[in-house]
Amino acid sequence: MKKVLIAILLLTTSFVAVKAQETTAEHQKLIAEFISNVKQQNKEVLAGKVAFPLRRDAPIPPVKTKEEFLERYNEIFDESLTKTIVNSKPDKDWTAMGWRGIMLEHGKVWLDDNGKLIAVNYQSTIEKRKQAALISADKKELDRSVRKYKRPVSLLETQKFRIRIDDLGKGQYRYSSWKLQSSMNETPDLTIDGGKVVFEGTGGNHYYEFENNGYTYKCVFTVLGEKDAAPVVVKITKDGKELMSQTATIIR
């Protein structure tokens, strides 16, 4: 049976549309319980109903434990998001998206079929400031050749390589890679600009694709998939032939 595998959180709702479903009575019961806990600020209860890690927009680190959730609760659930949740109607503002889960509005908040919180696609003012500060610090640690970007997307590690994907703005992405033993303040072994992102459905599954001298580099992210699915797979192909396929760990 398919279930949620949280690998990365993208703060976007630009997904391909799928057929939505009305929430069932059981769904509405779970939603109402979630709304009530948010309204009453039952943080301990909510912390026990989170599918960790709860991803945040890079380079903000994910929330990995109940303790971190409690510490960062007010950063994520600010007054605006809390008001949206509290004022929402389980039968009108929430939509069942099949095996993907149940979403508020256009995916601002996601619950699974057991009422667990699986994603928050919302960024508070506090998180925006934190992100800006982290990006500024991050750029100082990079080689000058890759310091220019709008925001970092993800940092990955395979068995041999450290791979970084950056959003350059205007729909353009950059792929940079180093050997694991190298530091990112060294010149990357490979840099490819002009990459693109392709979304597959509303659940967040997507891949980044880069072309370089006849070779295609693809980083495939599984956000909602089978229980044992790898969070990321890095593939290299040429002329339609797969030359390499390796699972990767998401560092951030």
C-alpha atoms as a PDB file:
ATOM      1  CA  MET A   1       0.000   0.000   0.000  1.00  0.00           C
ATOM      2  CA  LYS A   2       1.263   3.450  -0.848  1.00  0.00           C
ATOM      3  CA  LYS A   3       2.045   5.835   1.981  1.00  0.00           C
ATOM      4  CA  VAL A   4       3.820   9.111   2.491  1.00  0.00           C
ATOM      5  CA  LEU A   5       7.569   9.267   2.340  1.00  0.00           C
ATOM      6  CA  ILE A   6       8.698  12.764   3.276  1.00  0.00           C
ATOM      7  CA  ALA A   7      11.894  13.594   1.451  1.00  0.00           C
ATOM      8  CA  ILE A   8      11.767  17.285   0.714  1.00  0.00           C
ATOM      9  CA  LEU A   9       9.437  20.176   1.212  1.00  0.00           C
ATOM     10  CA  LEU A  10       8.892  22.542  -1.640  1.00  0.00           C
ATOM     11  CA  LEU A  11       7.130  25.789  -0.965  1.00  0.00           C
ATOM     12  CA  THR A  12       5.158  25.733  -4.192  1.00  0.00           C
ATOM     13  CA  THR A  13       1.728  24.734  -5.414  1.00  0.00           C
ATOM     14  CA  SER A  14       2.658  24.530  -9.104  1.00  0.00           C
ATOM     15  CA  PHE A  15       1.666  20.895  -9.492  1.00  0.00           C
ATOM     16  CA  VAL A  16      -0.187  19.150 -12.287  1.00  0.00           C
ATOM     17  CA  ALA A  17      -3.863  18.993 -11.416  1.00  0.00           C
ATOM     18  CA  VAL A  18      -5.424  15.700 -10.397  1.00  0.00           C
ATOM     19  CA  LYS A  19      -8.982  14.810  -9.598  1.00  0.00           C
ATOM     20  CA  ALA A  20      -9.847  15.871  -6.050  1.00  0.00           C
ATOM     21  CA  GLN A  21     -12.277  14.001  -3.852  1.00  0.00           C
ATOM     22  CA  GLU A  22     -14.718  15.058  -1.183  1.00  0.00           C
ATOM     23  CA  THR A  23     -13.562  14.403   2.346  1.00  0.00           C
ATOM     24  CA  THR A  24     -15.246  11.477   4.052  1.00  0.00           C
ATOM     25  CA  ALA A  25     -16.821  11.578   7.501  1.00  0.00           C
ATOM     26  CA  GLU A  26     -13.687   9.932   8.884  1.00  0.00           C
ATOM     27  CA  HIS A  27     -11.486  12.507   7.155  1.00  0.00           C
ATOM     28  CA  GLN A  28     -13.557  15.337   8.588  1.00  0.00           C
ATOM     29  CA  LYS A  29     -13.250  13.885  12.070  1.00  0.00           C
ATOM     30  CA  LEU A  30      -9.446  13.822  11.772  1.00  0.00           C
ATOM     31  CA  ILE A  31      -9.363  17.321  10.304  1.00  0.00           C
ATOM     32  CA  ALA A  32     -11.611  18.690  13.054  1.00  0.00           C
ATOM     33  CA  GLU A  33      -9.313  17.153  15.665  1.00  0.00           C
ATOM     34  CA  PHE A  34      -6.281  18.794  14.028  1.00  0.00           C
ATOM     35  CA  ILE A  35      -8.046  22.154  13.855  1.00  0.00           C
ATOM     36  CA  SER A  36      -9.062  21.880  17.506  1.00  0.00           C
ATOM     37  CA  ASN A  37      -5.496  21.113  18.609  1.00  0.00           C
ATOM     38  CA  VAL A  38      -4.157  24.101  16.663  1.00  0.00           C
ATOM     39  CA  LYS A  39      -6.869  26.363  18.078  1.00  0.00           C
ATOM     40  CA  GLN A  40      -6.153  25.251  21.644  1.00  0.00           C
ATOM     41  CA  GLN A  41      -2.379  25.352  21.103  1.00  0.00           C
ATOM     42  CA  ASN A  42      -2.060  21.699  22.119  1.00  0.00           C
ATOM     43  CA  LYS A  43       1.537  21.593  20.947  1.00  0.00           C
ATOM     44  CA  GLU A  44       2.440  18.379  22.768  1.00  0.00           C
ATOM     45  CA  VAL A  45      -0.474  16.562  21.129  1.00  0.00           C
ATOM     46  CA  LEU A  46       0.381  17.975  17.712  1.00  0.00           C
ATOM     47  CA  ALA A  47       4.045  17.011  18.151  1.00  0.00           C
ATOM     48  CA  GLY A  48       2.920  13.430  18.585  1.00  0.00           C
ATOM     49  CA  LYS A  49       1.110  13.530  15.263  1.00  0.00           C
ATOM     50  CA  VAL A  50       3.862  14.645  12.901  1.00  0.00           C
ATOM     51  CA  ALA A  51       5.504  12.477  10.246  1.00  0.00           C
ATOM     52  CA  PHE A  52       9.125  13.490  10.759  1.00  0.00           C
ATOM     53  CA  PRO A  53      11.158  14.939   9.217  1.00  0.00           C
ATOM     54  CA  LEU A  54       8.954  17.950   8.540  1.00  0.00           C
ATOM     55  CA  ARG A  55      10.737  19.681   5.675  1.00  0.00           C
ATOM     56  CA  ARG A  56      11.266  23.430   5.506  1.00  0.00           C
ATOM     57  CA  ASP A  57      12.416  25.558   2.591  1.00  0.00           C
ATOM     58  CA  ALA A  58      16.195  25.197   2.131  1.00  0.00           C
ATOM     59  CA  PRO A  59      18.549  26.013   3.672  1.00  0.00           C
ATOM     60  CA  ILE A  60      16.327  25.978   6.765  1.00  0.00           C
ATOM     61  CA  PRO A  61      16.890  22.544   8.323  1.00  0.00           C
ATOM     62  CA  PRO A  62      13.992  20.106   8.600  1.00  0.00           C
ATOM     63  CA  VAL A  63      12.217  19.509  11.887  1.00  0.00           C
ATOM     64  CA  LYS A  64      13.454  16.060  12.872  1.00  0.00           C
ATOM     65  CA  THR A  65      12.066  15.388  16.359  1.00  0.00           C
ATOM     66  CA  LYS A  66       9.181  16.198  18.693  1.00  0.00           C
ATOM     67  CA  GLU A  67      11.512  18.377  20.727  1.00  0.00           C
ATOM     68  CA  GLU A  68      12.493  20.416  17.661  1.00  0.00           C
ATOM     69  CA  PHE A  69       8.846  20.710  16.658  1.00  0.00           C
ATOM     70  CA  LEU A  70       7.957  22.196  20.048  1.00  0.00           C
ATOM     71  CA  GLU A  71      10.920  24.600  19.893  1.00  0.00           C
ATOM     72  CA  ARG A  72      10.077  25.778  16.376  1.00  0.00           C
ATOM     73  CA  TYR A  73       6.299  25.570  16.537  1.00  0.00           C
ATOM     74  CA  ASN A  74       5.710  29.344  16.609  1.00  0.00           C
ATOM     75  CA  GLU A  75       8.111  29.862  13.702  1.00  0.00           C
ATOM     76  CA  ILE A  76       6.004  27.588  11.515  1.00  0.00           C
ATOM     77  CA  PHE A  77       2.498  28.110  12.897  1.00  0.00           C
ATOM     78  CA  ASP A  78       2.463  31.889  13.079  1.00  0.00           C
ATOM     79  CA  GLU A  79      -0.664  33.978  13.601  1.00  0.00           C
ATOM     80  CA  SER A  80      -1.575  33.987   9.904  1.00  0.00           C
ATOM     81  CA  LEU A  81      -1.301  30.217   9.366  1.00  0.00           C
ATOM     82  CA  THR A  82      -3.004  29.493  12.683  1.00  0.00           C
ATOM     83  CA  LYS A  83      -5.919  31.732  11.698  1.00  0.00           C
ATOM     84  CA  THR A  84      -6.220  30.012   8.309  1.00  0.00           C
ATOM     85  CA  ILE A  85      -6.338  26.589   9.937  1.00  0.00           C
ATOM     86  CA  VAL A  86      -8.684  27.546  12.769  1.00  0.00           C
ATOM     87  CA  ASN A  87     -11.153  29.231  10.412  1.00  0.00           C
ATOM     88  CA  SER A  88     -11.120  26.385   7.889  1.00  0.00           C
ATOM     89  CA  LYS A  89     -14.107  24.059   7.438  1.00  0.00           C
ATOM     90  CA  PRO A  90     -13.346  20.327   7.225  1.00  0.00           C
ATOM     91  CA  ASP A  91     -16.031  19.763   4.582  1.00  0.00           C
ATOM     92  CA  LYS A  92     -15.309  22.833   2.456  1.00  0.00           C
ATOM     93  CA  ASP A  93     -11.687  23.962   2.741  1.00  0.00           C
ATOM     94  CA  TRP A  94     -10.005  20.559   2.924  1.00  0.00           C
ATOM     95  CA  THR A  95      -9.722  18.182  -0.025  1.00  0.00           C
ATOM     96  CA  ALA A  96      -8.908  14.476  -0.164  1.00  0.00           C
ATOM     97  CA  MET A  97      -6.253  13.734  -2.775  1.00  0.00           C
ATOM     98  CA  GLY A  98      -6.421   9.947  -2.790  1.00  0.00           C
ATOM     99  CA  TRP A  99      -3.340   8.142  -1.472  1.00  0.00           C
ATOM    100  CA  ARG A 100      -1.473  11.467  -1.349  1.00  0.00           C
ATOM    101  CA  GLY A 101      -3.397  12.654   1.700  1.00  0.00           C
ATOM    102  CA  ILE A 102      -5.703  15.523   2.626  1.00  0.00           C
ATOM    103  CA  MET A 103      -4.795  19.114   1.845  1.00  0.00           C
ATOM    104  CA  LEU A 104      -5.920  22.520   3.104  1.00  0.00           C
ATOM    105  CA  GLU A 105      -6.685  25.038   0.339  1.00  0.00           C
ATOM    106  CA  HIS A 106      -4.146  24.425  -2.465  1.00  0.00           C
ATOM    107  CA  GLY A 107      -1.721  22.390  -0.397  1.00  0.00           C
ATOM    108  CA  LYS A 108      -0.831  24.845   2.362  1.00  0.00           C
ATOM    109  CA  VAL A 109      -1.109  22.041   4.930  1.00  0.00           C
ATOM    110  CA  TRP A 110      -1.190  18.267   4.347  1.00  0.00           C
ATOM    111  CA  LEU A 111      -2.450  15.476   6.598  1.00  0.00           C
ATOM    112  CA  ASP A 112      -2.328  11.776   5.846  1.00  0.00           C
ATOM    113  CA  ASP A 113      -5.290   9.419   6.157  1.00  0.00           C
ATOM    114  CA  ASN A 114      -4.428   8.847   9.814  1.00  0.00           C
ATOM    115  CA  GLY A 115      -4.493  12.538  10.662  1.00  0.00           C
ATOM    116  CA  LYS A 116      -0.712  12.910  10.844  1.00  0.00           C
ATOM    117  CA  LEU A 117       0.834  16.196   9.718  1.00  0.00           C
ATOM    118  CA  ILE A 118       3.022  15.426   6.695  1.00  0.00           C
ATOM    119  CA  ALA A 119       3.741  18.857   5.185  1.00  0.00           C
ATOM    120  CA  VAL A 120       3.384  22.589   5.746  1.00  0.00           C
ATOM    121  CA  ASN A 121       3.826  24.507   2.487  1.00  0.00           C
ATOM    122  CA  TYR A 122       3.830  27.902   4.147  1.00  0.00           C
ATOM    123  CA  GLN A 123       6.649  30.180   5.254  1.00  0.00           C
ATOM    124  CA  SER A 124       6.246  32.641   8.112  1.00  0.00           C
ATOM    125  CA  THR A 125       7.999  36.005   8.350  1.00  0.00           C
ATOM    126  CA  ILE A 126      10.376  34.528  10.929  1.00  0.00           C
ATOM    127  CA  GLU A 127      11.311  31.697   8.579  1.00  0.00           C
ATOM    128  CA  LYS A 128      11.807  34.110   5.678  1.00  0.00           C
ATOM    129  CA  ARG A 129      14.274  36.114   7.767  1.00  0.00           C
ATOM    130  CA  LYS A 130      16.017  32.957   8.944  1.00  0.00           C
ATOM    131  CA  GLN A 131      16.269  31.729   5.355  1.00  0.00           C
ATOM    132  CA  ALA A 132      17.825  35.018   4.197  1.00  0.00           C
ATOM    133  CA  ALA A 133      20.425  34.883   6.977  1.00  0.00           C
ATOM    134  CA  LEU A 134      21.279  31.256   6.243  1.00  0.00           C
ATOM    135  CA  ILE A 135      21.642  31.962   2.514  1.00  0.00           C
ATOM    136  CA  SER A 136      24.014  34.843   3.246  1.00  0.00           C
ATOM    137  CA  ALA A 137      26.150  32.624   5.479  1.00  0.00           C
ATOM    138  CA  ASP A 138      25.976  29.756   2.964  1.00  0.00           C
ATOM    139  CA  LYS A 139      27.354  31.857   0.124  1.00  0.00           C
ATOM    140  CA  LYS A 140      30.450  32.719   2.159  1.00  0.00           C
ATOM    141  CA  GLU A 141      31.257  29.002   2.458  1.00  0.00           C
ATOM    142  CA  LEU A 142      31.070  28.365  -1.299  1.00  0.00           C
ATOM    143  CA  ASP A 143      33.609  28.705  -4.063  1.00  0.00           C
ATOM    144  CA  ARG A 144      33.184  32.062  -5.815  1.00  0.00           C
ATOM    145  CA  SER A 145      32.143  30.354  -9.046  1.00  0.00           C
ATOM    146  CA  VAL A 146      28.864  29.144  -7.498  1.00  0.00           C
ATOM    147  CA  ARG A 147      28.006  31.926  -5.049  1.00  0.00           C
ATOM    148  CA  LYS A 148      25.396  33.564  -7.265  1.00  0.00           C
ATOM    149  CA  TYR A 149      21.936  32.052  -6.841  1.00  0.00           C
ATOM    150  CA  LYS A 150      18.438  32.970  -5.728  1.00  0.00           C
ATOM    151  CA  ARG A 151      18.019  30.156  -3.207  1.00  0.00           C
ATOM    152  CA  PRO A 152      19.552  26.765  -2.523  1.00  0.00           C
ATOM    153  CA  VAL A 153      17.305  23.852  -3.412  1.00  0.00           C
ATOM    154  CA  SER A 154      19.036  20.800  -2.000  1.00  0.00           C
ATOM    155  CA  LEU A 155      22.369  19.326  -0.972  1.00  0.00           C
ATOM    156  CA  LEU A 156      22.767  15.607  -1.740  1.00  0.00           C
ATOM    157  CA  GLU A 157      25.388  12.953  -1.163  1.00  0.00           C
ATOM    158  CA  THR A 158      25.817   9.734  -3.122  1.00  0.00           C
ATOM    159  CA  GLN A 159      28.489   7.110  -2.404  1.00  0.00           C
ATOM    160  CA  LYS A 160      31.117   9.205  -4.156  1.00  0.00           C
ATOM    161  CA  PHE A 161      29.795  12.704  -4.779  1.00  0.00           C
ATOM    162  CA  ARG A 162      28.343  15.738  -3.061  1.00  0.00           C
ATOM    163  CA  ILE A 163      25.744  17.356  -5.309  1.00  0.00           C
ATOM    164  CA  ARG A 164      24.221  20.766  -4.902  1.00  0.00           C
ATOM    165  CA  ILE A 165      21.156  22.125  -6.742  1.00  0.00           C
ATOM    166  CA  ASP A 166      20.555  25.881  -6.733  1.00  0.00           C
ATOM    167  CA  ASP A 167      17.675  27.976  -8.017  1.00  0.00           C
ATOM    168  CA  LEU A 168      19.139  30.723 -10.210  1.00  0.00           C
ATOM    169  CA  GLY A 169      15.788  32.435 -10.751  1.00  0.00           C
ATOM    170  CA  LYS A 170      13.541  32.683 -13.812  1.00  0.00           C
ATOM    171  CA  GLY A 171      13.028  28.927 -13.898  1.00  0.00           C
ATOM    172  CA  GLN A 172      16.737  28.144 -14.225  1.00  0.00           C
ATOM    173  CA  TYR A 173      18.641  25.714 -11.978  1.00  0.00           C
ATOM    174  CA  ARG A 174      22.282  24.829 -11.487  1.00  0.00           C
ATOM    175  CA  TYR A 175      23.913  21.459 -10.782  1.00  0.00           C
ATOM    176  CA  SER A 176      27.281  21.450  -9.009  1.00  0.00           C
ATOM    177  CA  SER A 177      29.200  18.410  -7.797  1.00  0.00           C
ATOM    178  CA  TRP A 178      32.309  17.685  -5.773  1.00  0.00           C
ATOM    179  CA  LYS A 179      34.032  14.484  -4.707  1.00  0.00           C
ATOM    180  CA  LEU A 180      33.014  13.650  -1.138  1.00  0.00           C
ATOM    181  CA  GLN A 181      36.505  14.308   0.162  1.00  0.00           C
ATOM    182  CA  SER A 182      36.455  17.827  -1.306  1.00  0.00           C
ATOM    183  CA  SER A 183      35.112  20.970   0.349  1.00  0.00           C
ATOM    184  CA  MET A 184      32.463  23.158  -1.262  1.00  0.00           C
ATOM    185  CA  ASN A 185      34.761  26.161  -0.967  1.00  0.00           C
ATOM    186  CA  GLU A 186      36.829  24.440  -3.668  1.00  0.00           C
ATOM    187  CA  THR A 187      36.003  24.719  -7.366  1.00  0.00           C
ATOM    188  CA  PRO A 188      33.316  22.142  -8.286  1.00  0.00           C
ATOM    189  CA  ASP A 189      34.370  19.197 -10.437  1.00  0.00           C
ATOM    190  CA  LEU A 190      31.267  19.795 -12.562  1.00  0.00           C
ATOM    191  CA  THR A 191      28.879  22.723 -12.941  1.00  0.00           C
ATOM    192  CA  ILE A 192      25.851  22.714 -15.248  1.00  0.00           C
ATOM    193  CA  ASP A 193      23.596  25.754 -15.649  1.00  0.00           C
ATOM    194  CA  GLY A 194      20.224  25.957 -17.404  1.00  0.00           C
ATOM    195  CA  GLY A 195      18.549  23.057 -15.655  1.00  0.00           C
ATOM    196  CA  LYS A 196      14.799  22.700 -15.221  1.00  0.00           C
ATOM    197  CA  VAL A 197      12.400  21.202 -12.700  1.00  0.00           C
ATOM    198  CA  VAL A 198       9.488  18.962 -13.698  1.00  0.00           C
ATOM    199  CA  PHE A 199       6.644  18.195 -11.267  1.00  0.00           C
ATOM    200  CA  GLU A 200       4.711  14.946 -11.386  1.00  0.00           C
ATOM    201  CA  GLY A 201       1.282  15.279  -9.774  1.00  0.00           C
ATOM    202  CA  THR A 202       0.124  17.201  -6.711  1.00  0.00           C
ATOM    203  CA  GLY A 203       2.060  15.158  -4.164  1.00  0.00           C
ATOM    204  CA  GLY A 204       5.392  16.886  -4.762  1.00  0.00           C
ATOM    205  CA  ASN A 205       7.257  14.186  -6.701  1.00  0.00           C
ATOM    206  CA  HIS A 206       9.580  15.949  -9.121  1.00  0.00           C
ATOM    207  CA  TYR A 207      12.955  15.858 -10.826  1.00  0.00           C
ATOM    208  CA  TYR A 208      15.665  18.315 -11.865  1.00  0.00           C
ATOM    209  CA  GLU A 209      17.190  17.756 -15.294  1.00  0.00           C
ATOM    210  CA  PHE A 210      20.462  19.123 -16.672  1.00  0.00           C
ATOM    211  CA  GLU A 211      22.055  18.728 -20.118  1.00  0.00           C
ATOM    212  CA  ASN A 212      25.832  18.728 -20.584  1.00  0.00           C
ATOM    213  CA  ASN A 213      27.700  17.763 -23.771  1.00  0.00           C
ATOM    214  CA  GLY A 214      25.208  15.071 -24.743  1.00  0.00           C
ATOM    215  CA  TYR A 215      24.836  13.755 -21.199  1.00  0.00           C
ATOM    216  CA  THR A 216      21.639  14.150 -19.160  1.00  0.00           C
ATOM    217  CA  TYR A 217      21.866  14.441 -15.390  1.00  0.00           C
ATOM    218  CA  LYS A 218      18.620  13.865 -13.527  1.00  0.00           C
ATOM    219  CA  CYS A 219      17.936  14.143  -9.767  1.00  0.00           C
ATOM    220  CA  VAL A 220      14.626  12.427  -9.023  1.00  0.00           C
ATOM    221  CA  PHE A 221      12.921  13.341  -5.718  1.00  0.00           C
ATOM    222  CA  THR A 222      10.210  11.094  -4.289  1.00  0.00           C
ATOM    223  CA  VAL A 223       8.086  13.001  -1.778  1.00  0.00           C
ATOM    224  CA  LEU A 224       5.016  10.770  -1.899  1.00  0.00           C
ATOM    225  CA  GLY A 225       5.685   7.200  -2.871  1.00  0.00           C
ATOM    226  CA  GLU A 226       6.086   3.616  -1.799  1.00  0.00           C
ATOM    227  CA  LYS A 227       7.207   2.953   1.775  1.00  0.00           C
ATOM    228  CA  ASP A 228      10.704   1.829   0.801  1.00  0.00           C
ATOM    229  CA  ALA A 229      11.254   4.250  -2.088  1.00  0.00           C
ATOM    230  CA  ALA A 230      14.582   6.100  -2.069  1.00  0.00           C
ATOM    231  CA  PRO A 231      14.098   9.818  -1.328  1.00  0.00           C
ATOM    232  CA  VAL A 232      16.402  10.773  -4.223  1.00  0.00           C
ATOM    233  CA  VAL A 233      17.941   8.937  -7.168  1.00  0.00           C
ATOM    234  CA  VAL A 234      20.654  10.509  -9.316  1.00  0.00           C
ATOM    235  CA  LYS A 235      20.757   9.262 -12.899  1.00  0.00           C
ATOM    236  CA  ILE A 236      23.121   9.936 -15.793  1.00  0.00           C
ATOM    237  CA  THR A 237      22.128   8.985 -19.341  1.00  0.00           C
ATOM    238  CA  LYS A 238      23.488   9.490 -22.847  1.00  0.00           C
ATOM    239  CA  ASP A 239      21.538   8.901 -26.056  1.00  0.00           C
ATOM    240  CA  GLY A 240      18.771   7.335 -23.997  1.00  0.00           C
ATOM    241  CA  LYS A 241      21.143   4.819 -22.371  1.00  0.00           C
ATOM    242  CA  GLU A 242      21.453   4.857 -18.586  1.00  0.00           C
ATOM    243  CA  LEU A 243      25.088   5.084 -17.533  1.00  0.00           C
ATOM    244  CA  MET A 244      24.611   5.513 -13.793  1.00  0.00           C
ATOM    245  CA  SER A 245      21.858   5.362 -11.203  1.00  0.00           C
ATOM    246  CA  GLN A 246      22.635   5.952  -7.526  1.00  0.00           C
ATOM    247  CA  THR A 247      20.496   6.660  -4.496  1.00  0.00           C
ATOM    248  CA  ALA A 248      21.349   9.840  -2.624  1.00  0.00           C
ATOM    249  CA  THR A 249      20.972  11.096   0.902  1.00  0.00           C
ATOM    250  CA  ILE A 250      19.399  14.505   1.434  1.00  0.00           C
ATOM    251  CA  ILE A 251      21.757  16.512   3.617  1.00  0.00           C
ATOM    252  CA  ARG A 252      19.500  19.528   3.513  1.00  0.00           C
END
